[in-house]
Structure formats: structure tokens, C-alpha cells
Amino acid sequence: ATASVGSVACAFIAFAVLSGWRMGIIEAVCTMVLVGLSLDYVLHMAGAYVRAPAGPRRERVRGALRAVGPSVVSGAVTTVGAALFLLGCTVTFFTKFGLFISWTLSM
């Protein structure tokens, strides 16, 4: 989980710098939301792995993917789909937030 948050945070900071964003309220909100987005799907998969029947690691991974994989992927796809609508907004906060969510979940 720590590696997930760290890698997504580093990637987001690189994205923000390359996009020319300066740290302000919008970017601070995105950074706070980043922790939840980077952990959400990882923790769902980890929980399913722990609940999988005892056995070889590969079988437990397959069981976890079968149990929550479709739901996790569907959740990510619908979240990105909803965020894409924010890209058409004229208010800067919504446009940046939509870009942030789309980019973070598409990584």
C-alpha cells in the first residue's frame, strides 16, 4: 500500500510540474484525494486476497481477481468516465479535478 501511494504521488507531482501547475488550493485538494484514490483499488484486491482460500499464492491471486476484479475495474472505468465530463467545464477547479482523476486512475 505504501508503494502504491508513493508511486502515484510521485507520478502526480511529475504530471503537475510538467503541466505547469503551481501549488494552490486546487492542487492541494487533488493531493489529498490522491491518497484515497491510490489506496482504494489496492485495498479491495488485498482484502480479497486475504479472504481467498488457503493455497498457493498464484491460486489466491486468481481467486482475488475473480472475486473483486470485475467490480474494481468497473469502478475505475465509471469514475474516469464521470471525470471526463468535468473536462468540459469552464470553472478551473472542475477542469483540473477532472483531469487529475482521469489521469490518476488511467495510470
N, C-alpha and C. Protein backbone atom coordinates (compact mmCIF):
# COMPACT_ATOMS: atom_id res chain seq x y z
N ALA A 1 0.82 -1.19 0.00
CA ALA A 1 0.00 0.00 0.00
C ALA A 1 0.87 1.26 0.00
N THR A 2 1.97 1.21 0.75
CA THR A 2 2.87 2.36 0.80
C THR A 2 3.49 2.62 -0.56
N ALA A 3 3.88 1.55 -1.24
CA ALA A 3 4.46 1.69 -2.57
C ALA A 3 3.44 2.26 -3.55
N SER A 4 2.19 1.86 -3.40
CA SER A 4 1.13 2.36 -4.27
C SER A 4 0.96 3.87 -4.10
N VAL A 5 0.85 4.32 -2.86
CA VAL A 5 0.66 5.75 -2.60
C VAL A 5 1.89 6.52 -3.06
N GLY A 6 3.07 6.01 -2.74
CA GLY A 6 4.29 6.70 -3.11
C GLY A 6 4.48 6.84 -4.60
N SER A 7 4.23 5.76 -5.33
CA SER A 7 4.42 5.83 -6.79
C SER A 7 3.38 6.72 -7.45
N VAL A 8 2.14 6.65 -7.01
CA VAL A 8 1.10 7.50 -7.59
C VAL A 8 1.36 8.97 -7.23
N ALA A 9 1.81 9.23 -6.01
CA ALA A 9 2.10 10.60 -5.61
C ALA A 9 3.25 11.18 -6.43
N CYS A 10 4.31 10.41 -6.61
CA CYS A 10 5.44 10.88 -7.43
C CYS A 10 5.01 11.13 -8.86
N ALA A 11 4.21 10.23 -9.40
CA ALA A 11 3.74 10.39 -10.78
C ALA A 11 2.84 11.63 -10.90
N PHE A 12 2.00 11.86 -9.91
CA PHE A 12 1.12 13.04 -9.97
C PHE A 12 1.93 14.33 -9.87
N ILE A 13 2.92 14.35 -8.99
CA ILE A 13 3.75 15.55 -8.86
C ILE A 13 4.48 15.82 -10.18
N ALA A 14 5.00 14.78 -10.81
CA ALA A 14 5.66 14.95 -12.11
C ALA A 14 4.68 15.48 -13.15
N PHE A 15 3.46 14.92 -13.15
CA PHE A 15 2.42 15.36 -14.08
C PHE A 15 2.08 16.83 -13.86
N ALA A 16 1.92 17.22 -12.60
CA ALA A 16 1.55 18.61 -12.28
C ALA A 16 2.65 19.58 -12.70
N VAL A 17 3.90 19.21 -12.44
CA VAL A 17 5.02 20.08 -12.81
C VAL A 17 5.12 20.20 -14.33
N LEU A 18 5.01 19.06 -15.03
CA LEU A 18 5.10 19.09 -16.49
C LEU A 18 3.92 19.83 -17.12
N SER A 19 2.79 19.86 -16.42
CA SER A 19 1.61 20.58 -16.93
C SER A 19 1.65 22.06 -16.59
N GLY A 20 2.64 22.47 -15.81
CA GLY A 20 2.77 23.87 -15.45
C GLY A 20 1.89 24.30 -14.30
N TRP A 21 1.36 23.35 -13.54
CA TRP A 21 0.52 23.70 -12.40
C TRP A 21 1.39 24.23 -11.27
N ARG A 22 0.91 25.25 -10.59
CA ARG A 22 1.57 25.76 -9.39
C ARG A 22 0.74 25.31 -8.20
N MET A 23 1.39 25.05 -7.07
CA MET A 23 0.69 24.56 -5.89
C MET A 23 -0.25 25.63 -5.36
N GLY A 24 -1.53 25.30 -5.36
CA GLY A 24 -2.57 26.18 -4.85
C GLY A 24 -3.63 25.34 -4.18
N ILE A 25 -4.79 25.90 -3.98
CA ILE A 25 -5.88 25.19 -3.31
C ILE A 25 -6.32 23.98 -4.13
N ILE A 26 -6.46 24.14 -5.43
CA ILE A 26 -6.91 23.03 -6.28
C ILE A 26 -5.93 21.88 -6.21
N GLU A 27 -4.65 22.18 -6.33
CA GLU A 27 -3.63 21.13 -6.30
C GLU A 27 -3.53 20.47 -4.93
N ALA A 28 -3.76 21.24 -3.87
CA ALA A 28 -3.76 20.68 -2.51
C ALA A 28 -4.92 19.71 -2.33
N VAL A 29 -6.09 20.07 -2.84
CA VAL A 29 -7.25 19.17 -2.77
C VAL A 29 -6.96 17.89 -3.56
N CYS A 30 -6.39 18.04 -4.74
CA CYS A 30 -6.06 16.86 -5.56
C CYS A 30 -5.07 15.96 -4.83
N THR A 31 -4.10 16.55 -4.15
CA THR A 31 -3.11 15.76 -3.42
C THR A 31 -3.76 14.99 -2.28
N MET A 32 -4.71 15.59 -1.60
CA MET A 32 -5.40 14.88 -0.52
C MET A 32 -6.26 13.74 -1.06
N VAL A 33 -6.94 13.98 -2.15
CA VAL A 33 -7.78 12.94 -2.76
C VAL A 33 -6.91 11.82 -3.33
N LEU A 34 -5.70 12.16 -3.72
CA LEU A 34 -4.77 11.19 -4.30
C LEU A 34 -4.54 10.00 -3.38
N VAL A 35 -4.43 10.22 -2.09
CA VAL A 35 -4.19 9.13 -1.15
C VAL A 35 -5.34 8.12 -1.20
N GLY A 36 -6.56 8.61 -1.19
CA GLY A 36 -7.71 7.71 -1.25
C GLY A 36 -7.80 6.97 -2.57
N LEU A 37 -7.57 7.68 -3.67
CA LEU A 37 -7.64 7.02 -4.98
C LEU A 37 -6.55 5.98 -5.16
N SER A 38 -5.36 6.25 -4.64
CA SER A 38 -4.28 5.31 -4.83
C SER A 38 -4.41 4.08 -3.94
N LEU A 39 -5.16 4.18 -2.87
CA LEU A 39 -5.34 3.04 -1.97
C LEU A 39 -6.61 2.23 -2.24
N ASP A 40 -7.61 2.85 -2.76
CA ASP A 40 -8.93 2.23 -2.89
C ASP A 40 -8.86 0.86 -3.56
N TYR A 41 -8.38 0.81 -4.76
CA TYR A 41 -8.39 -0.43 -5.54
C TYR A 41 -7.39 -1.44 -5.00
N VAL A 42 -6.26 -0.95 -4.50
CA VAL A 42 -5.25 -1.84 -3.93
C VAL A 42 -5.80 -2.55 -2.70
N LEU A 43 -6.51 -1.82 -1.85
CA LEU A 43 -7.04 -2.43 -0.63
C LEU A 43 -8.18 -3.41 -0.93
N HIS A 44 -8.98 -3.14 -1.95
CA HIS A 44 -10.01 -4.11 -2.33
C HIS A 44 -9.36 -5.42 -2.77
N MET A 45 -8.31 -5.32 -3.57
CA MET A 45 -7.62 -6.53 -4.03
C MET A 45 -6.94 -7.25 -2.87
N ALA A 46 -6.31 -6.50 -1.97
CA ALA A 46 -5.64 -7.10 -0.81
C ALA A 46 -6.64 -7.82 0.09
N GLY A 47 -7.79 -7.21 0.31
CA GLY A 47 -8.81 -7.85 1.13
C GLY A 47 -9.31 -9.14 0.51
N ALA A 48 -9.51 -9.14 -0.79
CA ALA A 48 -9.97 -10.36 -1.47
C ALA A 48 -8.88 -11.42 -1.42
N TYR A 49 -7.63 -11.04 -1.51
CA TYR A 49 -6.52 -11.99 -1.43
C TYR A 49 -6.48 -12.65 -0.06
N VAL A 50 -6.66 -11.85 0.99
CA VAL A 50 -6.63 -12.38 2.36
C VAL A 50 -7.80 -13.33 2.59
N ARG A 51 -8.97 -13.01 2.01
CA ARG A 51 -10.15 -13.85 2.19
C ARG A 51 -10.16 -15.09 1.30
N ALA A 52 -9.25 -15.15 0.32
CA ALA A 52 -9.21 -16.31 -0.58
C ALA A 52 -8.82 -17.55 0.20
N PRO A 53 -9.32 -18.72 -0.22
CA PRO A 53 -8.97 -19.96 0.48
C PRO A 53 -7.45 -20.18 0.47
N ALA A 54 -6.99 -20.80 1.55
CA ALA A 54 -5.55 -21.07 1.67
C ALA A 54 -5.10 -21.94 0.51
N GLY A 55 -3.91 -21.70 0.04
CA GLY A 55 -3.35 -22.44 -1.07
C GLY A 55 -2.16 -21.71 -1.63
N PRO A 56 -1.70 -22.15 -2.79
CA PRO A 56 -0.56 -21.47 -3.40
C PRO A 56 -0.88 -20.01 -3.72
N ARG A 57 0.14 -19.19 -3.69
CA ARG A 57 -0.04 -17.75 -3.90
C ARG A 57 -0.74 -17.46 -5.23
N ARG A 58 -0.34 -18.13 -6.28
CA ARG A 58 -0.92 -17.89 -7.60
C ARG A 58 -2.42 -18.17 -7.61
N GLU A 59 -2.85 -19.19 -6.92
CA GLU A 59 -4.28 -19.52 -6.85
C GLU A 59 -5.05 -18.49 -6.03
N ARG A 60 -4.43 -17.97 -4.98
CA ARG A 60 -5.08 -16.94 -4.18
C ARG A 60 -5.23 -15.65 -4.98
N VAL A 61 -4.21 -15.33 -5.79
CA VAL A 61 -4.29 -14.14 -6.64
C VAL A 61 -5.41 -14.32 -7.66
N ARG A 62 -5.48 -15.48 -8.27
CA ARG A 62 -6.57 -15.74 -9.24
C ARG A 62 -7.93 -15.64 -8.57
N GLY A 63 -8.05 -16.19 -7.37
CA GLY A 63 -9.31 -16.10 -6.64
C GLY A 63 -9.69 -14.66 -6.33
N ALA A 64 -8.71 -13.86 -5.92
CA ALA A 64 -8.98 -12.45 -5.62
C ALA A 64 -9.39 -11.71 -6.89
N LEU A 65 -8.71 -11.98 -7.99
CA LEU A 65 -9.07 -11.32 -9.25
C LEU A 65 -10.47 -11.71 -9.71
N ARG A 66 -10.83 -12.97 -9.52
CA ARG A 66 -12.19 -13.41 -9.88
C ARG A 66 -13.24 -12.79 -8.97
N ALA A 67 -12.90 -12.65 -7.69
CA ALA A 67 -13.88 -12.16 -6.72
C ALA A 67 -14.16 -10.66 -6.87
N VAL A 68 -13.12 -9.85 -6.97
CA VAL A 68 -13.34 -8.40 -6.99
C VAL A 68 -12.80 -7.71 -8.23
N GLY A 69 -12.09 -8.44 -9.08
CA GLY A 69 -11.52 -7.83 -10.28
C GLY A 69 -12.52 -7.08 -11.15
N PRO A 70 -13.63 -7.73 -11.54
CA PRO A 70 -14.61 -7.02 -12.38
C PRO A 70 -15.19 -5.77 -11.69
N SER A 71 -15.45 -5.85 -10.41
CA SER A 71 -16.00 -4.70 -9.69
C SER A 71 -14.99 -3.56 -9.60
N VAL A 72 -13.74 -3.89 -9.34
CA VAL A 72 -12.70 -2.87 -9.23
C VAL A 72 -12.49 -2.19 -10.58
N VAL A 73 -12.41 -2.96 -11.65
CA VAL A 73 -12.23 -2.38 -12.98
C VAL A 73 -13.45 -1.54 -13.37
N SER A 74 -14.64 -2.04 -13.09
CA SER A 74 -15.86 -1.28 -13.40
C SER A 74 -15.91 0.03 -12.63
N GLY A 75 -15.52 0.00 -11.37
CA GLY A 75 -15.49 1.21 -10.57
C GLY A 75 -14.51 2.23 -11.13
N ALA A 76 -13.34 1.78 -11.55
CA ALA A 76 -12.35 2.69 -12.13
C ALA A 76 -12.85 3.28 -13.44
N VAL A 77 -13.44 2.44 -14.27
CA VAL A 77 -13.93 2.91 -15.58
C VAL A 77 -15.05 3.93 -15.42
N THR A 78 -15.99 3.68 -14.53
CA THR A 78 -17.09 4.63 -14.35
C THR A 78 -16.61 5.93 -13.70
N THR A 79 -15.62 5.84 -12.81
CA THR A 79 -15.07 7.05 -12.20
C THR A 79 -14.37 7.91 -13.25
N VAL A 80 -13.56 7.27 -14.09
CA VAL A 80 -12.88 8.02 -15.17
C VAL A 80 -13.92 8.59 -16.13
N GLY A 81 -14.94 7.80 -16.46
CA GLY A 81 -15.99 8.29 -17.35
C GLY A 81 -16.70 9.51 -16.80
N ALA A 82 -16.98 9.49 -15.51
CA ALA A 82 -17.64 10.65 -14.89
C ALA A 82 -16.69 11.85 -14.84
N ALA A 83 -15.41 11.59 -14.59
CA ALA A 83 -14.43 12.68 -14.52
C ALA A 83 -14.21 13.33 -15.88
N LEU A 84 -14.37 12.57 -16.94
CA LEU A 84 -14.18 13.13 -18.28
C LEU A 84 -15.19 14.25 -18.57
N PHE A 85 -16.37 14.14 -17.99
CA PHE A 85 -17.37 15.20 -18.17
C PHE A 85 -16.91 16.51 -17.53
N LEU A 86 -16.08 16.43 -16.51
CA LEU A 86 -15.58 17.63 -15.85
C LEU A 86 -14.62 18.41 -16.75
N LEU A 87 -14.03 17.74 -17.72
CA LEU A 87 -13.06 18.41 -18.60
C LEU A 87 -13.72 19.49 -19.45
N GLY A 88 -15.02 19.41 -19.65
CA GLY A 88 -15.72 20.41 -20.44
C GLY A 88 -16.19 21.61 -19.65
N CYS A 89 -15.93 21.64 -18.35
CA CYS A 89 -16.38 22.75 -17.51
C CYS A 89 -15.56 24.01 -17.76
N THR A 90 -16.16 25.14 -17.46
CA THR A 90 -15.45 26.41 -17.59
C THR A 90 -14.81 26.84 -16.28
N VAL A 91 -15.22 26.24 -15.18
CA VAL A 91 -14.63 26.56 -13.87
C VAL A 91 -13.31 25.77 -13.75
N THR A 92 -12.24 26.47 -13.46
CA THR A 92 -10.90 25.87 -13.44
C THR A 92 -10.81 24.69 -12.48
N PHE A 93 -11.43 24.80 -11.30
CA PHE A 93 -11.34 23.72 -10.33
C PHE A 93 -11.86 22.41 -10.92
N PHE A 94 -13.02 22.45 -11.53
CA PHE A 94 -13.62 21.23 -12.06
C PHE A 94 -12.80 20.65 -13.21
N THR A 95 -12.27 21.51 -14.05
CA THR A 95 -11.46 21.04 -15.17
C THR A 95 -10.19 20.36 -14.67
N LYS A 96 -9.50 21.00 -13.74
CA LYS A 96 -8.27 20.41 -13.19
C LYS A 96 -8.57 19.14 -12.41
N PHE A 97 -9.66 19.14 -11.65
CA PHE A 97 -10.01 17.95 -10.87
C PHE A 97 -10.37 16.79 -11.79
N GLY A 98 -11.10 17.06 -12.85
CA GLY A 98 -11.43 16.02 -13.82
C GLY A 98 -10.20 15.46 -14.49
N LEU A 99 -9.27 16.33 -14.84
CA LEU A 99 -8.02 15.89 -15.44
C LEU A 99 -7.21 15.06 -14.46
N PHE A 100 -7.16 15.51 -13.22
CA PHE A 100 -6.44 14.79 -12.17
C PHE A 100 -7.00 13.38 -11.97
N ILE A 101 -8.32 13.26 -11.83
CA ILE A 101 -8.92 11.95 -11.60
C ILE A 101 -8.73 11.05 -12.82
N SER A 102 -8.96 11.58 -13.99
CA SER A 102 -8.79 10.78 -15.21
C SER A 102 -7.37 10.28 -15.34
N TRP A 103 -6.42 11.17 -15.12
CA TRP A 103 -5.01 10.79 -15.28
C TRP A 103 -4.58 9.81 -14.20
N THR A 104 -4.97 10.05 -12.96
CA THR A 104 -4.55 9.20 -11.84
C THR A 104 -5.08 7.78 -12.00
N LEU A 105 -6.35 7.63 -12.36
CA LEU A 105 -6.93 6.30 -12.47
C LEU A 105 -6.56 5.60 -13.78
N SER A 106 -6.07 6.35 -14.74
CA SER A 106 -5.68 5.74 -16.01
C SER A 106 -4.23 5.25 -15.98
N MET A 107 -3.51 5.60 -14.94
CA MET A 107 -2.10 5.19 -14.87
C MET A 107 -1.96 3.70 -14.78
